[in-house]
C-alpha atoms as a PDB file:
ATOM      1  CA  MET A   1     106.935 154.083  81.155  1.00  0.00           C
ATOM      2  CA  ALA A   2     109.056 151.359  82.522  1.00  0.00           C
ATOM      3  CA  GLU A   3     108.132 147.280  82.170  1.00  0.00           C
ATOM      4  CA  ARG A   4     106.665 146.596  85.510  1.00  0.00           C
ATOM      5  CA  ARG A   5     107.950 142.762  85.583  1.00  0.00           C
ATOM      6  CA  PHE A   6     107.393 141.030  88.727  1.00  0.00           C
ATOM      7  CA  ARG A   7     110.207 140.835  91.576  1.00  0.00           C
ATOM      8  CA  PHE A   8     109.881 138.995  94.715  1.00  0.00           C
ATOM      9  CA  GLY A   9     111.831 139.524  98.167  1.00  0.00           C
ATOM     10  CA  LEU A  10     111.833 137.039 101.184  1.00  0.00           C
ATOM     11  CA  VAL A  11     111.393 138.799 104.472  1.00  0.00           C
ATOM     12  CA  ALA A  12     113.206 136.780 107.209  1.00  0.00           C
ATOM     13  CA  ALA A  13     115.866 137.109 110.100  1.00  0.00           C
ATOM     14  CA  PRO A  14     118.284 134.622 111.394  1.00  0.00           C
ATOM     15  CA  THR A  15     116.351 132.534 114.222  1.00  0.00           C
ATOM     16  CA  ALA A  16     118.987 129.689 114.915  1.00  0.00           C
ATOM     17  CA  SER A  17     122.387 129.171 113.514  1.00  0.00           C
ATOM     18  CA  ALA A  18     124.709 130.854 110.962  1.00  0.00           C
ATOM     19  CA  LYS A  19     124.296 127.530 109.056  1.00  0.00           C
ATOM     20  CA  GLU A  20     120.564 127.898 108.819  1.00  0.00           C
ATOM     21  CA  TRP A  21     120.484 131.158 107.526  1.00  0.00           C
ATOM     22  CA  THR A  22     122.871 130.990 104.967  1.00  0.00           C
ATOM     23  CA  GLU A  23     120.582 127.622 103.924  1.00  0.00           C
ATOM     24  CA  LEU A  24     117.777 130.069 103.805  1.00  0.00           C
ATOM     25  CA  ALA A  25     119.378 132.616 101.725  1.00  0.00           C
ATOM     26  CA  ARG A  26     120.598 129.766  99.316  1.00  0.00           C
ATOM     27  CA  ARG A  27     117.173 128.333  99.086  1.00  0.00           C
ATOM     28  CA  ALA A  28     115.709 131.671  98.324  1.00  0.00           C
ATOM     29  CA  GLU A  29     118.113 131.978  95.505  1.00  0.00           C
ATOM     30  CA  GLY A  30     117.088 128.908  94.060  1.00  0.00           C
ATOM     31  CA  MET A  31     113.338 129.400  94.423  1.00  0.00           C
ATOM     32  CA  GLY A  32     113.586 132.469  92.180  1.00  0.00           C
ATOM     33  CA  PHE A  33     113.537 135.263  94.939  1.00  0.00           C
ATOM     34  CA  SER A  34     115.333 138.509  93.765  1.00  0.00           C
ATOM     35  CA  THR A  35     116.012 139.853  97.383  1.00  0.00           C
ATOM     36  CA  LEU A  36     116.361 138.617 100.946  1.00  0.00           C
ATOM     37  CA  LEU A  37     114.881 141.450 102.990  1.00  0.00           C
ATOM     38  CA  MET A  38     115.732 141.441 106.892  1.00  0.00           C
ATOM     39  CA  PRO A  39     113.871 143.459 109.559  1.00  0.00           C
ATOM     40  CA  ASP A  40     115.668 145.952 111.814  1.00  0.00           C
ATOM     41  CA  ALA A  41     114.445 145.805 115.498  1.00  0.00           C
ATOM     42  CA  ARG A  42     116.515 145.165 118.798  1.00  0.00           C
ATOM     43  CA  ARG A  43     114.949 141.532 119.162  1.00  0.00           C
ATOM     44  CA  LEU A  44     116.790 140.719 116.455  1.00  0.00           C
ATOM     45  CA  PRO A  45     120.465 140.260 115.324  1.00  0.00           C
ATOM     46  CA  SER A  46     121.967 143.571 113.540  1.00  0.00           C
ATOM     47  CA  SER A  47     120.944 143.177 109.851  1.00  0.00           C
ATOM     48  CA  PHE A  48     124.047 144.424 108.011  1.00  0.00           C
ATOM     49  CA  PRO A  49     126.690 141.627 109.326  1.00  0.00           C
ATOM     50  CA  ALA A  50     123.556 139.138 108.861  1.00  0.00           C
ATOM     51  CA  LEU A  51     122.893 140.154 105.077  1.00  0.00           C
ATOM     52  CA  THR A  52     126.402 140.203 104.508  1.00  0.00           C
ATOM     53  CA  LEU A  53     126.776 136.574 105.383  1.00  0.00           C
ATOM     54  CA  ALA A  54     123.676 135.863 103.522  1.00  0.00           C
ATOM     55  CA  ALA A  55     125.191 137.945 100.339  1.00  0.00           C
ATOM     56  CA  ALA A  56     128.353 135.604 100.921  1.00  0.00           C
ATOM     57  CA  ASN A  57     126.805 132.315 100.388  1.00  0.00           C
ATOM     58  CA  THR A  58     124.864 133.096  97.530  1.00  0.00           C
ATOM     59  CA  GLU A  59     125.829 134.285  93.941  1.00  0.00           C
ATOM     60  CA  THR A  60     122.948 136.478  92.508  1.00  0.00           C
ATOM     61  CA  LEU A  61     120.395 136.929  95.394  1.00  0.00           C
ATOM     62  CA  ARG A  62     120.026 140.768  96.371  1.00  0.00           C
ATOM     63  CA  VAL A  63     119.874 141.852 100.048  1.00  0.00           C
ATOM     64  CA  GLY A  64     118.403 144.891 101.968  1.00  0.00           C
ATOM     65  CA  ASN A  65     117.074 145.904 104.926  1.00  0.00           C
ATOM     66  CA  PHE A  66     113.529 146.001 105.607  1.00  0.00           C
ATOM     67  CA  VAL A  67     113.619 148.675 106.811  1.00  0.00           C
ATOM     68  CA  LEU A  68     116.401 150.340 108.617  1.00  0.00           C
ATOM     69  CA  ALA A  69     114.845 152.851 111.224  1.00  0.00           C
ATOM     70  CA  ALA A  70     116.897 156.103 109.939  1.00  0.00           C
ATOM     71  CA  PRO A  71     116.366 157.793 113.306  1.00  0.00           C
ATOM     72  CA  LEU A  72     118.086 155.356 115.429  1.00  0.00           C
ATOM     73  CA  ARG A  73     121.729 155.926 113.267  1.00  0.00           C
ATOM     74  CA  SER A  74     123.545 158.646 112.071  1.00  0.00           C
ATOM     75  CA  PRO A  75     123.873 159.082 108.256  1.00  0.00           C
ATOM     76  CA  GLN A  76     127.079 159.106 107.965  1.00  0.00           C
ATOM     77  CA  SER A  77     126.997 155.514 109.616  1.00  0.00           C
ATOM     78  CA  ILE A  78     124.579 154.126 107.458  1.00  0.00           C
ATOM     79  CA  ALA A  79     126.203 155.512 104.442  1.00  0.00           C
ATOM     80  CA  TRP A  80     129.440 153.454 105.738  1.00  0.00           C
ATOM     81  CA  ASP A  81     127.748 150.479 106.614  1.00  0.00           C
ATOM     82  CA  THR A  82     125.931 150.765 103.000  1.00  0.00           C
ATOM     83  CA  ALA A  83     129.148 150.825 101.057  1.00  0.00           C
ATOM     84  CA  THR A  84     130.662 147.979 102.626  1.00  0.00           C
ATOM     85  CA  LEU A  85     127.924 145.813 102.036  1.00  0.00           C
ATOM     86  CA  ASP A  86     127.581 146.563  98.636  1.00  0.00           C
ATOM     87  CA  GLN A  87     131.387 146.186  97.907  1.00  0.00           C
ATOM     88  CA  PHE A  88     131.125 142.536  99.815  1.00  0.00           C
ATOM     89  CA  SER A  89     128.022 141.588  97.991  1.00  0.00           C
ATOM     90  CA  HIS A  90     129.318 142.786  94.713  1.00  0.00           C
ATOM     91  CA  GLY A  91     126.597 145.168  94.306  1.00  0.00           C
ATOM     92  CA  ARG A  92     124.009 143.534  95.517  1.00  0.00           C
ATOM     93  CA  PHE A  93     122.443 145.475  98.351  1.00  0.00           C
ATOM     94  CA  GLU A  94     119.458 147.760  98.563  1.00  0.00           C
ATOM     95  CA  LEU A  95     119.203 150.108 101.360  1.00  0.00           C
ATOM     96  CA  GLY A  96     115.804 150.109 102.989  1.00  0.00           C
ATOM     97  CA  LEU A  97     114.665 153.226 105.052  1.00  0.00           C
ATOM     98  CA  GLY A  98     111.846 154.209 107.861  1.00  0.00           C
ATOM     99  CA  ALA A  99     110.765 156.316 110.283  1.00  0.00           C
ATOM    100  CA  GLY A 100     110.787 153.792 112.950  1.00  0.00           C
ATOM    101  CA  ARG A 101     108.013 151.287 113.913  1.00  0.00           C
ATOM    102  CA  PRO A 102     105.213 153.185 116.750  1.00  0.00           C
ATOM    103  CA  ASP A 103     107.387 150.883 119.178  1.00  0.00           C
ATOM    104  CA  ALA A 104     110.931 151.612 118.191  1.00  0.00           C
ATOM    105  CA  GLU A 105     111.219 153.869 121.040  1.00  0.00           C
ATOM    106  CA  GLY A 106     112.443 151.069 123.385  1.00  0.00           C
ATOM    107  CA  ASP A 107     114.963 150.124 120.532  1.00  0.00           C
ATOM    108  CA  ALA A 108     116.160 154.134 120.457  1.00  0.00           C
ATOM    109  CA  HIS A 109     116.590 153.892 124.480  1.00  0.00           C
ATOM    110  CA  ILE A 110     118.874 150.783 124.162  1.00  0.00           C
ATOM    111  CA  LEU A 111     121.002 152.669 121.486  1.00  0.00           C
ATOM    112  CA  GLY A 112     121.114 155.752 123.526  1.00  0.00           C
ATOM    113  CA  VAL A 113     119.659 158.082 120.837  1.00  0.00           C
ATOM    114  CA  PRO A 114     116.944 160.225 120.907  1.00  0.00           C
ATOM    115  CA  PHE A 115     113.607 159.006 119.339  1.00  0.00           C
ATOM    116  CA  GLY A 116     112.413 162.481 118.187  1.00  0.00           C
ATOM    117  CA  THR A 117     108.597 163.268 117.433  1.00  0.00           C
ATOM    118  CA  PRO A 118     107.064 161.676 114.403  1.00  0.00           C
ATOM    119  CA  GLY A 119     107.504 164.926 112.079  1.00  0.00           C
ATOM    120  CA  GLU A 120     111.508 164.760 113.317  1.00  0.00           C
ATOM    121  CA  ARG A 121     111.972 161.000 112.642  1.00  0.00           C
ATOM    122  CA  VAL A 122     110.122 161.460 109.206  1.00  0.00           C
ATOM    123  CA  ARG A 123     112.676 164.433 108.232  1.00  0.00           C
ATOM    124  CA  ARG A 124     115.705 162.326 109.447  1.00  0.00           C
ATOM    125  CA  VAL A 125     114.663 159.645 106.564  1.00  0.00           C
ATOM    126  CA  ALA A 126     115.094 162.493 103.939  1.00  0.00           C
ATOM    127  CA  GLU A 127     118.205 163.841 105.611  1.00  0.00           C
ATOM    128  CA  THR A 128     119.605 160.198 105.458  1.00  0.00           C
ATOM    129  CA  ILE A 129     119.001 160.268 101.809  1.00  0.00           C
ATOM    130  CA  GLU A 130     120.631 163.146 100.871  1.00  0.00           C
ATOM    131  CA  THR A 131     123.723 162.453 103.123  1.00  0.00           C
ATOM    132  CA  VAL A 132     124.235 159.055 102.045  1.00  0.00           C
ATOM    133  CA  ARG A 133     123.960 159.946  98.575  1.00  0.00           C
ATOM    134  CA  GLY A 134     126.042 162.932  98.912  1.00  0.00           C
ATOM    135  CA  MET A 135     129.273 161.005 100.469  1.00  0.00           C
ATOM    136  CA  PHE A 136     128.590 158.694  97.747  1.00  0.00           C
ATOM    137  CA  ASP A 137     129.039 161.139  95.364  1.00  0.00           C
ATOM    138  CA  ASP A 138     132.326 162.800  97.090  1.00  0.00           C
ATOM    139  CA  ALA A 139     133.712 159.469  97.118  1.00  0.00           C
ATOM    140  CA  ALA A 140     133.301 158.553  93.356  1.00  0.00           C
ATOM    141  CA  GLY A 141     134.514 162.193  92.930  1.00  0.00           C
ATOM    142  CA  GLY A 142     137.944 161.098  94.369  1.00  0.00           C
ATOM    143  CA  ASN A 143     138.068 161.862  97.740  1.00  0.00           C
ATOM    144  CA  GLU A 144     140.301 159.987  99.274  1.00  0.00           C
ATOM    145  CA  GLU A 145     139.332 160.138 102.928  1.00  0.00           C
ATOM    146  CA  LEU A 146     135.698 158.669 101.974  1.00  0.00           C
ATOM    147  CA  ARG A 147     137.495 155.630  99.923  1.00  0.00           C
ATOM    148  CA  ALA A 148     135.470 153.328 102.273  1.00  0.00           C
ATOM    149  CA  TYR A 149     132.380 155.218 101.007  1.00  0.00           C
ATOM    150  CA  ARG A 150     132.449 153.839  97.309  1.00  0.00           C
ATOM    151  CA  PRO A 151     129.657 151.421  96.669  1.00  0.00           C
ATOM    152  CA  VAL A 152     129.812 149.324  93.863  1.00  0.00           C
ATOM    153  CA  GLN A 153     126.722 150.245  92.169  1.00  0.00           C
ATOM    154  CA  ARG A 154     126.860 153.848  90.968  1.00  0.00           C
ATOM    155  CA  PRO A 155     125.612 156.228  91.529  1.00  0.00           C
ATOM    156  CA  ALA A 156     124.493 154.346  94.455  1.00  0.00           C
ATOM    157  CA  PRO A 157     122.788 151.199  95.752  1.00  0.00           C
ATOM    158  CA  PRO A 158     118.889 151.400  95.580  1.00  0.00           C
ATOM    159  CA  ILE A 159     117.025 153.171  98.209  1.00  0.00           C
ATOM    160  CA  MET A 160     113.721 151.830  99.486  1.00  0.00           C
ATOM    161  CA  VAL A 161     111.454 153.582 101.481  1.00  0.00           C
ATOM    162  CA  ALA A 162     108.552 152.354 103.445  1.00  0.00           C
ATOM    163  CA  GLY A 163     105.335 154.311 105.006  1.00  0.00           C
ATOM    164  CA  SER A 164     101.758 155.094 104.727  1.00  0.00           C
ATOM    165  CA  GLY A 165     101.534 158.319 105.764  1.00  0.00           C
ATOM    166  CA  ASN A 166     101.836 160.975 103.312  1.00  0.00           C
ATOM    167  CA  ARG A 167     104.562 163.063 104.526  1.00  0.00           C
ATOM    168  CA  LEU A 168     106.799 160.205 104.450  1.00  0.00           C
ATOM    169  CA  LEU A 169     105.201 158.863 100.892  1.00  0.00           C
ATOM    170  CA  SER A 170     106.097 162.105  99.671  1.00  0.00           C
ATOM    171  CA  ILE A 171     109.744 161.851 100.606  1.00  0.00           C
ATOM    172  CA  ALA A 172     109.727 158.084  98.657  1.00  0.00           C
ATOM    173  CA  ALA A 173     108.085 159.545  95.882  1.00  0.00           C
ATOM    174  CA  ARG A 174     110.739 162.575  95.429  1.00  0.00           C
ATOM    175  CA  GLN A 175     113.974 160.929  96.482  1.00  0.00           C
ATOM    176  CA  ALA A 176     113.581 156.853  96.745  1.00  0.00           C
ATOM    177  CA  ASP A 177     114.108 154.385  94.220  1.00  0.00           C
ATOM    178  CA  ILE A 178     111.791 151.676  95.952  1.00  0.00           C
ATOM    179  CA  VAL A 179     108.374 152.797  97.718  1.00  0.00           C
ATOM    180  CA  ALA A 180     106.951 150.351  99.906  1.00  0.00           C
ATOM    181  CA  ILE A 181     103.441 151.312 100.449  1.00  0.00           C
ATOM    182  CA  GLY A 182     101.462 150.734 103.815  1.00  0.00           C
ATOM    183  CA  ALA A 183      97.855 150.807 102.673  1.00  0.00           C
ATOM    184  CA  GLY A 184      96.343 148.162 104.892  1.00  0.00           C
ATOM    185  CA  LEU A 185      92.973 147.597 102.265  1.00  0.00           C
ATOM    186  CA  GLU A 186      92.961 147.755  99.042  1.00  0.00           C
ATOM    187  CA  PRO A 187      90.626 150.797  98.594  1.00  0.00           C
ATOM    188  CA  ASN A 188      93.085 152.778 100.250  1.00  0.00           C
ATOM    189  CA  LEU A 189      95.767 151.668  97.782  1.00  0.00           C
ATOM    190  CA  ARG A 190      94.443 153.544  94.929  1.00  0.00           C
ATOM    191  CA  GLU A 191      94.568 156.943  97.092  1.00  0.00           C
ATOM    192  CA  LYS A 192      98.368 156.291  97.896  1.00  0.00           C
ATOM    193  CA  VAL A 193      99.361 155.528  94.371  1.00  0.00           C
ATOM    194  CA  GLY A 194      97.696 158.401  93.342  1.00  0.00           C
ATOM    195  CA  PHE A 195      99.620 160.486  95.734  1.00  0.00           C
ATOM    196  CA  ILE A 196     102.477 158.838  94.631  1.00  0.00           C
ATOM    197  CA  ARG A 197     102.309 159.489  91.392  1.00  0.00           C
ATOM    198  CA  GLU A 198     101.295 163.277  91.518  1.00  0.00           C
ATOM    199  CA  THR A 199     104.211 164.177  94.113  1.00  0.00           C
ATOM    200  CA  ALA A 200     106.629 162.052  91.802  1.00  0.00           C
ATOM    201  CA  GLY A 201     105.775 163.592  88.799  1.00  0.00           C
ATOM    202  CA  ASP A 202     108.219 163.206  85.809  1.00  0.00           C
ATOM    203  CA  ARG A 203     109.943 160.376  87.943  1.00  0.00           C
ATOM    204  CA  PHE A 204     106.814 158.158  88.610  1.00  0.00           C
ATOM    205  CA  ASP A 205     107.916 155.958  85.728  1.00  0.00           C
ATOM    206  CA  ASP A 206     111.399 155.153  87.342  1.00  0.00           C
ATOM    207  CA  LEU A 207     109.673 153.953  90.625  1.00  0.00           C
ATOM    208  CA  GLU A 208     109.089 150.438  91.848  1.00  0.00           C
ATOM    209  CA  LEU A 209     105.973 150.321  93.856  1.00  0.00           C
ATOM    210  CA  SER A 210     106.170 147.376  96.688  1.00  0.00           C
ATOM    211  CA  LEU A 211     103.456 145.829  98.722  1.00  0.00           C
ATOM    212  CA  ASN A 212     104.323 143.510 101.579  1.00  0.00           C
ATOM    213  CA  VAL A 213     102.082 140.010 102.110  1.00  0.00           C
ATOM    214  CA  PHE A 214     102.304 138.269 105.427  1.00  0.00           C
ATOM    215  CA  ALA A 215     100.342 135.401 104.710  1.00  0.00           C
ATOM    216  CA  ILE A 216      98.709 133.476 101.765  1.00  0.00           C
ATOM    217  CA  GLY A 217      95.839 131.217 101.658  1.00  0.00           C
ATOM    218  CA  ASP A 218      92.716 131.138 103.904  1.00  0.00           C
ATOM    219  CA  GLY A 219      94.473 129.373 107.129  1.00  0.00           C
ATOM    220  CA  GLU A 220      94.976 130.798 110.600  1.00  0.00           C
ATOM    221  CA  LEU A 221      96.493 133.868 110.434  1.00  0.00           C
ATOM    222  CA  PRO A 222     100.024 134.354 112.736  1.00  0.00           C
ATOM    223  CA  PRO A 223      98.787 136.430 115.834  1.00  0.00           C
ATOM    224  CA  TRP A 224     101.586 138.830 115.242  1.00  0.00           C
ATOM    225  CA  ILE A 225      99.994 140.457 112.223  1.00  0.00           C
ATOM    226  CA  ARG A 226      97.863 142.770 114.885  1.00  0.00           C
ATOM    227  CA  ASN A 227     101.446 144.405 115.819  1.00  0.00           C
ATOM    228  CA  PHE A 228     101.019 146.020 112.442  1.00  0.00           C
ATOM    229  CA  GLY A 229      97.839 147.383 112.999  1.00  0.00           C
ATOM    230  CA  LEU A 230      95.919 145.047 110.874  1.00  0.00           C
ATOM    231  CA  ASP A 231      92.366 143.247 111.723  1.00  0.00           C
ATOM    232  CA  PRO A 232      92.604 139.621 111.127  1.00  0.00           C
ATOM    233  CA  THR A 233      89.013 139.429 110.684  1.00  0.00           C
ATOM    234  CA  LEU A 234      89.416 141.716 107.545  1.00  0.00           C
ATOM    235  CA  ALA A 235      91.320 139.207 105.934  1.00  0.00           C
ATOM    236  CA  VAL A 236      88.863 137.621 103.407  1.00  0.00           C
ATOM    237  CA  GLU A 237      88.043 137.800  99.750  1.00  0.00           C
ATOM    238  CA  ASN A 238      91.545 139.550  99.391  1.00  0.00           C
ATOM    239  CA  ARG A 239      90.715 142.840 101.440  1.00  0.00           C
ATOM    240  CA  LEU A 240      93.883 143.292 103.037  1.00  0.00           C
ATOM    241  CA  LEU A 241      96.655 143.997 100.955  1.00  0.00           C
ATOM    242  CA  SER A 242      98.991 141.930 103.385  1.00  0.00           C
ATOM    243  CA  VAL A 243      97.233 138.575 103.175  1.00  0.00           C
ATOM    244  CA  LEU A 244      96.590 136.792  99.710  1.00  0.00           C
ATOM    245  CA  ASN A 245      93.296 134.589 100.266  1.00  0.00           C
ATOM    246  CA  GLY A 246      92.448 131.740  98.289  1.00  0.00           C
ATOM    247  CA  ASP A 247      94.315 129.241  96.286  1.00  0.00           C
ATOM    248  CA  THR A 248      97.604 129.526  93.959  1.00  0.00           C
ATOM    249  CA  ALA A 249      95.767 130.582  90.945  1.00  0.00           C
ATOM    250  CA  THR A 250      93.472 133.260  92.823  1.00  0.00           C
ATOM    251  CA  ALA A 251      96.502 134.782  94.270  1.00  0.00           C
ATOM    252  CA  ILE A 252      98.333 135.068  91.090  1.00  0.00           C
ATOM    253  CA  ASP A 253      95.153 136.484  89.386  1.00  0.00           C
ATOM    254  CA  VAL A 254      94.963 139.031  92.306  1.00  0.00           C
ATOM    255  CA  LEU A 255      98.699 140.055  91.984  1.00  0.00           C
ATOM    256  CA  ARG A 256      98.567 140.612  88.334  1.00  0.00           C
ATOM    257  CA  ARG A 257      95.205 142.506  88.686  1.00  0.00           C
ATOM    258  CA  ARG A 258      96.890 144.909  91.265  1.00  0.00           C
ATOM    259  CA  ARG A 259     100.084 145.473  89.364  1.00  0.00           C
ATOM    260  CA  ASP A 260      97.764 146.255  86.196  1.00  0.00           C
ATOM    261  CA  GLN A 261      95.691 148.902  88.559  1.00  0.00           C
ATOM    262  CA  PHE A 262      98.112 149.945  90.658  1.00  0.00           C
ATOM    263  CA  GLU A 263     101.541 149.324  89.068  1.00  0.00           C
ATOM    264  CA  THR A 264     102.632 146.950  92.250  1.00  0.00           C
ATOM    265  CA  SER A 265     105.206 144.908  91.019  1.00  0.00           C
ATOM    266  CA  TYR A 266     107.628 144.105  93.878  1.00  0.00           C
ATOM    267  CA  ILE A 267     106.049 141.735  95.908  1.00  0.00           C
ATOM    268  CA  THR A 268     107.730 141.327  99.765  1.00  0.00           C
ATOM    269  CA  ILE A 269     106.710 138.160 101.171  1.00  0.00           C
ATOM    270  CA  ASN A 270     106.983 137.221 104.869  1.00  0.00           C
ATOM    271  CA  ALA A 271     108.743 133.759 105.679  1.00  0.00           C
ATOM    272  CA  PHE A 272     106.106 132.502 107.311  1.00  0.00           C
ATOM    273  CA  ALA A 273     104.205 132.157 103.837  1.00  0.00           C
ATOM    274  CA  LEU A 274     107.414 130.843 102.210  1.00  0.00           C
ATOM    275  CA  GLU A 275     105.810 127.437 101.014  1.00  0.00           C
ATOM    276  CA  ALA A 276     102.808 128.654  99.741  1.00  0.00           C
ATOM    277  CA  ALA A 277     104.784 131.559  98.007  1.00  0.00           C
ATOM    278  CA  ALA A 278     106.895 129.186  96.098  1.00  0.00           C
ATOM    279  CA  PRO A 279     104.361 128.343  92.908  1.00  0.00           C
ATOM    280  CA  ILE A 280     103.521 131.928  93.012  1.00  0.00           C
ATOM    281  CA  VAL A 281     107.180 133.153  92.524  1.00  0.00           C
ATOM    282  CA  GLU A 282     107.853 130.315  90.062  1.00  0.00           C
ATOM    283  CA  GLN A 283     104.869 131.188  87.748  1.00  0.00           C
ATOM    284  CA  LEU A 284     105.519 134.986  88.042  1.00  0.00           C
ATOM    285  CA  ALA A 285     109.158 136.285  88.628  1.00  0.00           C
ATOM    286  CA  GLY A 286     110.739 138.147  85.810  1.00  0.00           C
ATOM    287  CA  ARG A 287     106.955 138.250  84.225  1.00  0.00           C
END
């Protein structure tokens, strides 16, 4: 079994100047975060150029989408952007894919692409992974027309798939390198991880399992967590996977216990909780 060492990703987006964005990237790197991850939404700047800027101003920090809505772009364009960013970051890019948020239909309208049914959007994730990796293989095989599609990381940059339903989690288990699990309450996590393990079979030990944290502590929660279908009143005694209740020592104990029980070692943390996350990252990153 692969050793499950903790690593942490900071989920953030540019909200002001390019200078502040690059300063945040350098701060995350200095704090011990493994990755800077950027959401994909029409109200935000495009993630690929923003992540390129972050990578250009750091040395070891990895960067990634959190996550790119696969149905809104062609697989070929995703492969092109992925290879370019991987080249410019010297092999520090991680491609994050999902089927699109429930409210992403507005994004599709603005981009002028069909949104599709839930089933079609899930299938698009699998098709995108297959196409992207196929183009990388062809480029590595000497196809000069695909020279721009040669990433630094071989055979391909790591691919994260985020999902909560079994259809998307089955694709993640069979095809992804990283699985970002949406399970809501902790009791649901055991079932989700069991499904992933059964579906992945022999490749389960090579998967990295991830959980996303919105807030840390017992203070007032940001109102936007309701946009993710979460009930803030349930954020007590560490019932919600996306909220770490208690002090730093309690949060560390909870993350260690979840890793021991569910093998979740990659923790992504919203920038809202950056200050509270600092001592946790310092004590657990790489351990």
